[in-house]
């Protein structure tokens, strides 16, 4: 029993040694970009625009770049900086990740797709839903503040008050 326990303990303690460190991210831009280099950056304890560049990749043929590193990386929200660091494409990165991403610069922020990363597909879908919800809230806020809508709401309140009194 003791030997089984020690054997299991050795196997489990050695498991992290076989985990892959680093990342490989192949980036394809649907449109040509003017940059010679694009950058991999991440947030750390501060919000945008304070980001930290952690890697760079040479742009090949105006639309392809590969970020590759064999060192351990801290997981979190990362981004590709392009168009002279004025545009970003966010995604999730974890140690050992290897995936392809396609960036449609004309359809940002919704113009990102992934191959080989289900967590990023879910992240982008969730982010798009949140962005859509925020847009709808802003639209309804503007509609509800319009003079015509305020007048209609006042009339409804009066009707409701009269109904409750009768």
N, C-alpha and C. Protein backbone atom coordinates (compact mmCIF):
# COMPACT_ATOMS: atom_id res chain seq x y z
N UNK A 1 0.82 -1.19 0.00
CA UNK A 1 0.00 0.00 0.00
C UNK A 1 0.87 1.26 0.00
N UNK A 2 1.94 1.19 0.83
CA UNK A 2 2.86 2.31 0.91
C UNK A 2 3.54 2.55 -0.44
N UNK A 3 3.92 1.45 -1.11
CA UNK A 3 4.59 1.57 -2.41
C UNK A 3 3.65 2.16 -3.45
N UNK A 4 2.39 1.76 -3.43
CA UNK A 4 1.40 2.29 -4.36
C UNK A 4 1.22 3.79 -4.15
N UNK A 5 1.13 4.19 -2.88
CA UNK A 5 0.98 5.59 -2.55
C UNK A 5 2.19 6.40 -3.03
N UNK A 6 3.41 5.90 -2.76
CA UNK A 6 4.62 6.60 -3.18
C UNK A 6 4.72 6.66 -4.71
N UNK A 7 4.34 5.58 -5.36
CA UNK A 7 4.37 5.57 -6.83
C UNK A 7 3.41 6.58 -7.42
N UNK A 8 2.21 6.65 -6.86
CA UNK A 8 1.20 7.61 -7.31
C UNK A 8 1.67 9.03 -7.05
N UNK A 9 2.26 9.26 -5.89
CA UNK A 9 2.76 10.58 -5.53
C UNK A 9 3.86 11.03 -6.50
N UNK A 10 4.76 10.13 -6.87
CA UNK A 10 5.83 10.44 -7.82
C UNK A 10 5.25 10.77 -9.20
N UNK A 11 4.27 10.02 -9.63
CA UNK A 11 3.65 10.26 -10.94
C UNK A 11 2.96 11.62 -10.98
N UNK A 12 2.21 11.94 -9.94
CA UNK A 12 1.48 13.20 -9.91
C UNK A 12 2.41 14.40 -9.76
N UNK A 13 3.47 14.26 -9.00
CA UNK A 13 4.39 15.39 -8.83
C UNK A 13 5.22 15.62 -10.09
N UNK A 14 5.37 14.62 -10.91
CA UNK A 14 6.12 14.77 -12.16
C UNK A 14 5.28 15.22 -13.32
N UNK A 15 3.94 15.24 -13.17
CA UNK A 15 3.04 15.62 -14.27
C UNK A 15 3.33 17.02 -14.81
N UNK A 16 3.54 18.04 -13.96
CA UNK A 16 3.82 19.36 -14.50
C UNK A 16 5.11 19.42 -15.32
N UNK A 17 6.02 18.49 -15.09
CA UNK A 17 7.26 18.49 -15.86
C UNK A 17 7.03 18.19 -17.34
N UNK A 18 5.94 17.46 -17.64
CA UNK A 18 5.66 17.10 -19.02
C UNK A 18 4.72 18.08 -19.71
N UNK A 19 4.16 19.04 -18.97
CA UNK A 19 3.29 20.04 -19.58
C UNK A 19 4.12 20.96 -20.46
N UNK A 20 3.56 21.32 -21.61
CA UNK A 20 4.29 22.19 -22.53
C UNK A 20 4.24 23.63 -22.04
N UNK A 21 5.37 24.29 -22.11
CA UNK A 21 5.45 25.71 -21.79
C UNK A 21 5.41 26.51 -23.08
N UNK A 22 5.07 27.78 -22.94
CA UNK A 22 5.10 28.68 -24.08
C UNK A 22 3.81 28.70 -24.87
N UNK A 23 3.92 29.11 -26.14
CA UNK A 23 2.76 29.25 -27.00
C UNK A 23 3.20 29.33 -28.45
N UNK A 24 2.27 29.03 -29.34
CA UNK A 24 2.45 29.25 -30.77
C UNK A 24 1.13 29.79 -31.29
N UNK A 25 1.15 31.02 -31.77
CA UNK A 25 -0.06 31.66 -32.29
C UNK A 25 0.22 32.11 -33.72
N UNK A 26 -0.50 31.52 -34.65
CA UNK A 26 -0.39 31.92 -36.05
C UNK A 26 -1.50 32.92 -36.34
N UNK A 27 -1.12 34.12 -36.74
CA UNK A 27 -2.08 35.19 -36.99
C UNK A 27 -2.16 35.44 -38.50
N UNK A 28 -3.38 35.43 -39.01
CA UNK A 28 -3.63 35.77 -40.41
C UNK A 28 -4.54 36.98 -40.45
N UNK A 29 -4.14 38.00 -41.18
CA UNK A 29 -4.97 39.18 -41.38
C UNK A 29 -5.64 39.04 -42.74
N UNK A 30 -6.96 39.23 -42.80
CA UNK A 30 -7.67 39.11 -44.09
C UNK A 30 -7.27 40.23 -45.04
N UNK A 31 -6.99 41.39 -44.49
CA UNK A 31 -6.56 42.52 -45.31
C UNK A 31 -5.07 42.77 -45.05
N UNK A 32 -4.43 43.37 -46.01
CA UNK A 32 -3.03 43.74 -45.84
C UNK A 32 -2.93 44.82 -44.75
N UNK A 33 -1.90 44.73 -43.91
CA UNK A 33 -1.67 45.75 -42.89
C UNK A 33 -0.34 46.43 -43.18
N UNK A 34 -0.20 47.69 -42.78
CA UNK A 34 1.02 48.44 -43.12
C UNK A 34 2.22 48.12 -42.22
N UNK A 35 2.00 47.37 -41.16
CA UNK A 35 3.06 47.13 -40.18
C UNK A 35 4.11 46.14 -40.69
N UNK A 36 5.34 46.34 -40.21
CA UNK A 36 6.40 45.36 -40.44
C UNK A 36 6.44 44.36 -39.27
N UNK A 37 5.99 44.83 -38.10
CA UNK A 37 5.93 43.98 -36.90
C UNK A 37 4.58 44.19 -36.22
N UNK A 38 4.08 43.13 -35.61
CA UNK A 38 2.92 43.21 -34.73
C UNK A 38 3.37 42.74 -33.36
N UNK A 39 2.61 43.11 -32.33
CA UNK A 39 3.04 42.83 -30.97
C UNK A 39 1.99 42.05 -30.19
N UNK A 40 2.48 41.19 -29.31
CA UNK A 40 1.63 40.47 -28.37
C UNK A 40 1.76 41.21 -27.05
N UNK A 41 0.62 41.59 -26.49
CA UNK A 41 0.62 42.36 -25.24
C UNK A 41 -0.45 41.81 -24.31
N UNK A 42 -0.37 42.19 -23.04
CA UNK A 42 -1.39 41.77 -22.07
C UNK A 42 -1.61 42.85 -21.03
N UNK A 43 -2.77 42.75 -20.38
CA UNK A 43 -3.09 43.63 -19.26
C UNK A 43 -2.43 43.07 -18.02
N UNK A 44 -2.07 43.95 -17.11
CA UNK A 44 -1.58 43.48 -15.82
C UNK A 44 -1.86 44.57 -14.80
N UNK A 45 -2.90 44.37 -14.01
CA UNK A 45 -3.26 45.23 -12.89
C UNK A 45 -3.74 46.63 -13.28
N UNK A 46 -3.80 46.92 -14.56
CA UNK A 46 -4.31 48.21 -15.02
C UNK A 46 -5.14 47.97 -16.28
N UNK A 47 -6.05 48.90 -16.54
CA UNK A 47 -6.89 48.75 -17.72
C UNK A 47 -6.24 49.38 -18.95
N UNK A 48 -6.87 49.17 -20.09
CA UNK A 48 -6.38 49.74 -21.34
C UNK A 48 -6.35 51.25 -21.19
N UNK A 49 -5.41 51.99 -21.62
CA UNK A 49 -4.38 51.67 -22.59
C UNK A 49 -3.07 51.17 -22.01
N UNK A 50 -3.01 50.90 -20.69
CA UNK A 50 -1.78 50.41 -20.09
C UNK A 50 -1.67 48.91 -20.36
N UNK A 51 -0.86 48.56 -21.33
CA UNK A 51 -0.62 47.16 -21.66
C UNK A 51 0.88 46.93 -21.72
N UNK A 52 1.26 45.67 -21.62
CA UNK A 52 2.66 45.32 -21.60
C UNK A 52 2.97 44.41 -22.78
N UNK A 53 3.89 44.86 -23.63
CA UNK A 53 4.29 44.04 -24.77
C UNK A 53 5.17 42.90 -24.28
N UNK A 54 4.83 41.69 -24.71
CA UNK A 54 5.60 40.53 -24.27
C UNK A 54 6.29 39.82 -25.43
N UNK A 55 5.89 40.12 -26.66
CA UNK A 55 6.49 39.45 -27.81
C UNK A 55 6.23 40.27 -29.06
N UNK A 56 7.00 40.02 -30.08
CA UNK A 56 6.78 40.66 -31.38
C UNK A 56 6.93 39.60 -32.46
N UNK A 57 6.31 39.86 -33.60
CA UNK A 57 6.39 38.94 -34.73
C UNK A 57 6.49 39.75 -36.02
N UNK A 58 7.34 39.29 -36.90
CA UNK A 58 7.51 39.95 -38.19
C UNK A 58 6.30 39.61 -39.07
N UNK A 59 5.79 40.63 -39.76
CA UNK A 59 4.66 40.44 -40.67
C UNK A 59 5.20 40.00 -42.02
N UNK A 60 4.73 38.84 -42.48
CA UNK A 60 5.15 38.29 -43.76
C UNK A 60 4.06 38.49 -44.80
N UNK A 61 4.44 38.93 -45.98
CA UNK A 61 3.51 39.16 -47.10
C UNK A 61 2.39 40.13 -46.75
N UNK A 62 2.58 40.96 -45.74
CA UNK A 62 1.59 41.96 -45.37
C UNK A 62 0.39 41.45 -44.61
N UNK A 63 0.32 40.11 -44.36
CA UNK A 63 -0.87 39.62 -43.67
C UNK A 63 -0.67 38.39 -42.79
N UNK A 64 0.55 37.95 -42.54
CA UNK A 64 0.77 36.77 -41.69
C UNK A 64 1.86 37.06 -40.66
N UNK A 65 1.67 36.50 -39.47
CA UNK A 65 2.66 36.62 -38.40
C UNK A 65 2.54 35.41 -37.48
N UNK A 66 3.66 35.03 -36.88
CA UNK A 66 3.64 33.90 -35.94
C UNK A 66 4.35 34.32 -34.66
N UNK A 67 3.60 34.24 -33.55
CA UNK A 67 4.19 34.44 -32.23
C UNK A 67 4.55 33.07 -31.68
N UNK A 68 5.80 32.91 -31.27
CA UNK A 68 6.22 31.62 -30.75
C UNK A 68 7.21 31.85 -29.62
N UNK A 69 6.97 31.14 -28.51
CA UNK A 69 7.84 31.26 -27.36
C UNK A 69 7.82 29.94 -26.62
N UNK A 70 8.97 29.51 -26.12
CA UNK A 70 9.05 28.24 -25.39
C UNK A 70 9.08 28.43 -23.88
N UNK A 71 9.11 29.69 -23.43
CA UNK A 71 9.11 29.98 -22.00
C UNK A 71 7.70 29.93 -21.44
N UNK A 72 7.60 29.66 -20.15
CA UNK A 72 6.30 29.63 -19.49
C UNK A 72 5.64 31.01 -19.56
N UNK A 73 4.33 31.01 -19.74
CA UNK A 73 3.59 32.27 -19.86
C UNK A 73 2.45 32.27 -18.85
N UNK A 74 2.16 33.43 -18.29
CA UNK A 74 1.06 33.59 -17.36
C UNK A 74 -0.23 33.72 -18.17
N UNK A 75 -1.21 32.89 -17.89
CA UNK A 75 -2.47 32.93 -18.63
C UNK A 75 -3.26 34.19 -18.35
N UNK A 76 -4.09 34.58 -19.32
CA UNK A 76 -4.94 35.75 -19.14
C UNK A 76 -5.43 36.29 -20.46
N UNK A 77 -5.88 37.55 -20.43
CA UNK A 77 -6.35 38.23 -21.63
C UNK A 77 -5.15 38.89 -22.30
N UNK A 78 -4.93 38.51 -23.54
CA UNK A 78 -3.84 39.07 -24.33
C UNK A 78 -4.43 39.74 -25.56
N UNK A 79 -3.59 40.42 -26.31
CA UNK A 79 -4.05 41.08 -27.53
C UNK A 79 -2.92 41.18 -28.54
N UNK A 80 -3.31 41.23 -29.79
CA UNK A 80 -2.39 41.52 -30.87
C UNK A 80 -2.54 43.01 -31.16
N UNK A 81 -1.43 43.73 -31.11
CA UNK A 81 -1.42 45.15 -31.45
C UNK A 81 -0.98 45.29 -32.90
N UNK A 82 -1.75 46.01 -33.71
CA UNK A 82 -1.41 46.20 -35.12
C UNK A 82 -1.82 47.60 -35.56
N UNK A 83 -1.55 47.92 -36.80
CA UNK A 83 -1.77 49.27 -37.35
C UNK A 83 -1.10 50.31 -36.47
N UNK A 84 0.21 50.11 -36.32
CA UNK A 84 1.06 51.01 -35.53
C UNK A 84 0.55 51.14 -34.08
N UNK A 85 0.16 50.02 -33.50
CA UNK A 85 -0.32 49.90 -32.11
C UNK A 85 -1.62 50.65 -31.85
N UNK A 86 -2.36 51.01 -32.88
CA UNK A 86 -3.62 51.74 -32.69
C UNK A 86 -4.82 50.80 -32.65
N UNK A 87 -4.69 49.57 -33.11
CA UNK A 87 -5.79 48.59 -33.15
C UNK A 87 -5.40 47.36 -32.35
N UNK A 88 -6.41 46.70 -31.76
CA UNK A 88 -6.16 45.50 -30.97
C UNK A 88 -7.13 44.40 -31.34
N UNK A 89 -6.70 43.18 -31.10
CA UNK A 89 -7.55 41.99 -31.23
C UNK A 89 -7.32 41.16 -29.97
N UNK A 90 -8.32 41.10 -29.10
CA UNK A 90 -8.17 40.41 -27.81
C UNK A 90 -8.48 38.92 -27.92
N UNK A 91 -7.81 38.16 -27.05
CA UNK A 91 -8.04 36.72 -26.95
C UNK A 91 -7.50 36.22 -25.63
N UNK A 92 -7.80 34.96 -25.32
CA UNK A 92 -7.30 34.32 -24.10
C UNK A 92 -6.08 33.49 -24.45
N UNK A 93 -5.08 33.56 -23.61
CA UNK A 93 -3.86 32.77 -23.82
C UNK A 93 -3.49 32.08 -22.53
N UNK A 94 -3.15 30.81 -22.64
CA UNK A 94 -2.72 30.04 -21.49
C UNK A 94 -1.42 29.33 -21.85
N UNK A 95 -0.69 28.93 -20.85
CA UNK A 95 0.57 28.25 -21.08
C UNK A 95 0.35 26.98 -21.91
N UNK A 96 1.15 26.80 -22.95
CA UNK A 96 1.06 25.62 -23.80
C UNK A 96 0.09 25.74 -24.96
N UNK A 97 -0.58 26.89 -25.10
CA UNK A 97 -1.56 27.05 -26.18
C UNK A 97 -0.90 27.06 -27.56
N UNK A 98 -1.63 26.50 -28.51
CA UNK A 98 -1.20 26.50 -29.90
C UNK A 98 -2.47 26.61 -30.74
N UNK A 99 -2.63 27.73 -31.44
CA UNK A 99 -3.83 27.93 -32.25
C UNK A 99 -3.58 28.94 -33.36
N UNK A 100 -4.53 29.00 -34.29
CA UNK A 100 -4.50 29.97 -35.39
C UNK A 100 -5.62 30.97 -35.15
N UNK A 101 -5.36 32.22 -35.47
CA UNK A 101 -6.41 33.22 -35.40
C UNK A 101 -6.42 34.04 -36.69
N UNK A 102 -7.61 34.38 -37.14
CA UNK A 102 -7.79 35.20 -38.33
C UNK A 102 -8.44 36.49 -37.89
N UNK A 103 -7.86 37.60 -38.33
CA UNK A 103 -8.37 38.92 -37.97
C UNK A 103 -8.85 39.62 -39.22
N UNK A 104 -10.14 39.93 -39.25
CA UNK A 104 -10.73 40.71 -40.33
C UNK A 104 -10.74 42.15 -39.85
N UNK A 105 -9.77 42.94 -40.30
CA UNK A 105 -9.60 44.30 -39.77
C UNK A 105 -10.77 45.22 -40.12
N UNK A 106 -11.55 44.87 -41.13
CA UNK A 106 -12.69 45.71 -41.51
C UNK A 106 -13.90 45.44 -40.63
N UNK A 107 -13.93 44.31 -39.93
CA UNK A 107 -15.09 43.95 -39.12
C UNK A 107 -14.82 43.89 -37.64
N UNK A 108 -13.85 44.64 -37.17
CA UNK A 108 -13.51 44.59 -35.75
C UNK A 108 -14.55 45.33 -34.93
N UNK A 109 -14.83 44.92 -33.70
CA UNK A 109 -14.15 43.88 -32.93
C UNK A 109 -14.71 42.48 -33.16
N UNK A 110 -15.74 42.34 -33.98
CA UNK A 110 -16.34 41.02 -34.19
C UNK A 110 -15.58 40.20 -35.22
N UNK A 111 -14.60 40.77 -35.87
CA UNK A 111 -13.92 40.10 -36.98
C UNK A 111 -12.77 39.20 -36.60
N UNK A 112 -12.89 38.46 -35.50
CA UNK A 112 -11.83 37.53 -35.08
C UNK A 112 -12.40 36.12 -35.09
N UNK A 113 -11.64 35.19 -35.67
CA UNK A 113 -12.04 33.78 -35.61
C UNK A 113 -10.82 32.95 -35.24
N UNK A 114 -11.08 31.76 -34.69
CA UNK A 114 -10.01 30.91 -34.18
C UNK A 114 -10.12 29.51 -34.73
N UNK A 115 -8.98 28.88 -34.86
CA UNK A 115 -8.91 27.46 -35.21
C UNK A 115 -8.01 26.80 -34.17
N UNK A 116 -8.55 25.80 -33.48
CA UNK A 116 -7.76 25.09 -32.48
C UNK A 116 -7.85 25.66 -31.09
N UNK A 117 -8.87 26.52 -30.83
CA UNK A 117 -9.02 27.11 -29.50
C UNK A 117 -10.50 27.33 -29.20
N UNK A 118 -11.14 26.32 -28.64
CA UNK A 118 -12.56 26.42 -28.29
C UNK A 118 -12.78 27.51 -27.24
N UNK A 119 -11.83 27.67 -26.31
CA UNK A 119 -12.02 28.68 -25.27
C UNK A 119 -12.05 30.08 -25.87
N UNK A 120 -11.26 30.33 -26.93
CA UNK A 120 -11.30 31.65 -27.57
C UNK A 120 -12.55 31.84 -28.40
N UNK A 121 -13.05 30.79 -29.02
CA UNK A 121 -14.32 30.89 -29.74
C UNK A 121 -15.43 31.28 -28.77
N UNK A 122 -15.46 30.66 -27.60
CA UNK A 122 -16.45 30.99 -26.57
C UNK A 122 -16.24 32.41 -26.04
N UNK A 123 -14.99 32.80 -25.85
CA UNK A 123 -14.68 34.15 -25.35
C UNK A 123 -15.20 35.21 -26.32
N UNK A 124 -14.92 35.03 -27.60
CA UNK A 124 -15.36 36.00 -28.61
C UNK A 124 -16.89 36.04 -28.70
N UNK A 125 -17.53 34.86 -28.66
CA UNK A 125 -18.99 34.82 -28.71
C UNK A 125 -19.59 35.55 -27.50
N UNK A 126 -19.04 35.32 -26.32
CA UNK A 126 -19.53 35.97 -25.11
C UNK A 126 -19.30 37.48 -25.18
N UNK A 127 -18.13 37.87 -25.65
CA UNK A 127 -17.81 39.29 -25.78
C UNK A 127 -18.76 39.98 -26.76
N UNK A 128 -19.08 39.31 -27.87
CA UNK A 128 -20.01 39.87 -28.86
C UNK A 128 -21.40 40.03 -28.27
N UNK A 129 -21.85 39.06 -27.47
CA UNK A 129 -23.16 39.16 -26.83
C UNK A 129 -23.18 40.35 -25.86
N UNK A 130 -22.12 40.49 -25.08
CA UNK A 130 -22.03 41.61 -24.13
C UNK A 130 -22.03 42.95 -24.86
N UNK A 131 -21.26 43.06 -25.94
CA UNK A 131 -21.21 44.30 -26.72
C UNK A 131 -22.58 44.63 -27.29
N UNK A 132 -23.29 43.62 -27.79
CA UNK A 132 -24.62 43.81 -28.34
C UNK A 132 -25.60 44.27 -27.26
N UNK A 133 -25.49 43.67 -26.08
CA UNK A 133 -26.37 44.05 -24.97
C UNK A 133 -26.13 45.49 -24.56
N UNK A 134 -24.87 45.89 -24.48
CA UNK A 134 -24.54 47.27 -24.12
C UNK A 134 -25.11 48.23 -25.16
N UNK A 135 -25.00 47.89 -26.44
CA UNK A 135 -25.55 48.73 -27.51
C UNK A 135 -27.06 48.86 -27.36
N UNK A 136 -27.74 47.74 -27.06
CA UNK A 136 -29.20 47.79 -26.88
C UNK A 136 -29.60 48.64 -25.68
N UNK A 137 -28.86 48.54 -24.60
CA UNK A 137 -29.15 49.35 -23.42
C UNK A 137 -28.99 50.83 -23.74
N UNK A 138 -27.94 51.17 -24.46
CA UNK A 138 -27.73 52.58 -24.85
C UNK A 138 -28.87 53.07 -25.74
N UNK A 139 -29.28 52.24 -26.69
CA UNK A 139 -30.38 52.61 -27.59
C UNK A 139 -31.67 52.84 -26.80
N UNK A 140 -32.03 51.90 -25.91
CA UNK A 140 -33.24 52.05 -25.12
C UNK A 140 -33.15 53.24 -24.18
N UNK A 141 -31.98 53.52 -23.68
CA UNK A 141 -31.79 54.68 -22.82
C UNK A 141 -32.10 55.96 -23.59
N UNK A 142 -31.62 56.05 -24.83
CA UNK A 142 -31.89 57.23 -25.66
C UNK A 142 -33.37 57.32 -26.00
N UNK A 143 -34.01 56.19 -26.32
CA UNK A 143 -35.43 56.18 -26.66
C UNK A 143 -36.27 56.63 -25.47
N UNK A 144 -35.94 56.10 -24.29
CA UNK A 144 -36.72 56.43 -23.11
C UNK A 144 -36.56 57.88 -22.67
N UNK A 145 -35.47 58.50 -23.07
CA UNK A 145 -35.24 59.90 -22.70
C UNK A 145 -35.81 60.88 -23.72
N UNK A 146 -36.35 60.38 -24.82
CA UNK A 146 -36.90 61.28 -25.85
C UNK A 146 -38.16 61.95 -25.31
N UNK A 147 -38.42 63.20 -25.71
CA UNK A 147 -39.59 63.94 -25.20
C UNK A 147 -40.92 63.21 -25.47
N UNK A 148 -41.05 62.61 -26.63
CA UNK A 148 -42.29 61.91 -26.96
C UNK A 148 -42.49 60.71 -26.02
N UNK A 149 -41.42 59.99 -25.75
CA UNK A 149 -41.53 58.83 -24.87
C UNK A 149 -41.83 59.26 -23.44
N UNK A 150 -41.21 60.34 -22.99
CA UNK A 150 -41.48 60.84 -21.64
C UNK A 150 -42.94 61.23 -21.48
N UNK A 151 -43.50 61.87 -22.51
CA UNK A 151 -44.90 62.26 -22.50
C UNK A 151 -45.81 61.02 -22.44
N UNK A 152 -45.47 59.99 -23.22
CA UNK A 152 -46.24 58.74 -23.21
C UNK A 152 -46.16 58.07 -21.85
N UNK A 153 -45.00 58.05 -21.24
CA UNK A 153 -44.84 57.45 -19.91
C UNK A 153 -45.64 58.20 -18.86
N UNK A 154 -45.70 59.53 -18.95
CA UNK A 154 -46.50 60.33 -18.00
C UNK A 154 -47.98 59.97 -18.12
N UNK A 155 -48.44 59.85 -19.37
CA UNK A 155 -49.84 59.48 -19.60
C UNK A 155 -50.14 58.09 -19.03
N UNK A 156 -49.22 57.16 -19.22
CA UNK A 156 -49.42 55.81 -18.69
C UNK A 156 -49.45 55.82 -17.16
N UNK A 157 -48.62 56.63 -16.54
CA UNK A 157 -48.62 56.74 -15.08
C UNK A 157 -49.96 57.28 -14.57
N UNK A 158 -50.47 58.28 -15.26
CA UNK A 158 -51.76 58.86 -14.86
C UNK A 158 -52.86 57.83 -15.01
N UNK A 159 -52.88 57.11 -16.14
CA UNK A 159 -53.87 56.05 -16.35
C UNK A 159 -53.78 54.99 -15.25
N UNK A 160 -52.56 54.58 -14.95
CA UNK A 160 -52.34 53.56 -13.93
C UNK A 160 -52.84 54.05 -12.57
N UNK A 161 -52.55 55.29 -12.25
CA UNK A 161 -52.97 55.87 -10.97
C UNK A 161 -54.50 55.92 -10.91
N UNK A 162 -55.14 56.37 -11.99
CA UNK A 162 -56.60 56.42 -12.03
C UNK A 162 -57.20 55.03 -11.93
N UNK A 163 -56.61 54.06 -12.58
CA UNK A 163 -57.10 52.69 -12.53
C UNK A 163 -57.04 52.16 -11.10
N UNK A 164 -55.99 52.43 -10.39
CA UNK A 164 -55.83 51.92 -9.03
C UNK A 164 -56.82 52.60 -8.08
N UNK A 165 -57.16 53.86 -8.35
CA UNK A 165 -58.09 54.56 -7.48
C UNK A 165 -59.53 54.08 -7.68
N UNK A 166 -59.85 53.60 -8.86
CA UNK A 166 -61.22 53.15 -9.15
C UNK A 166 -61.33 51.74 -8.80
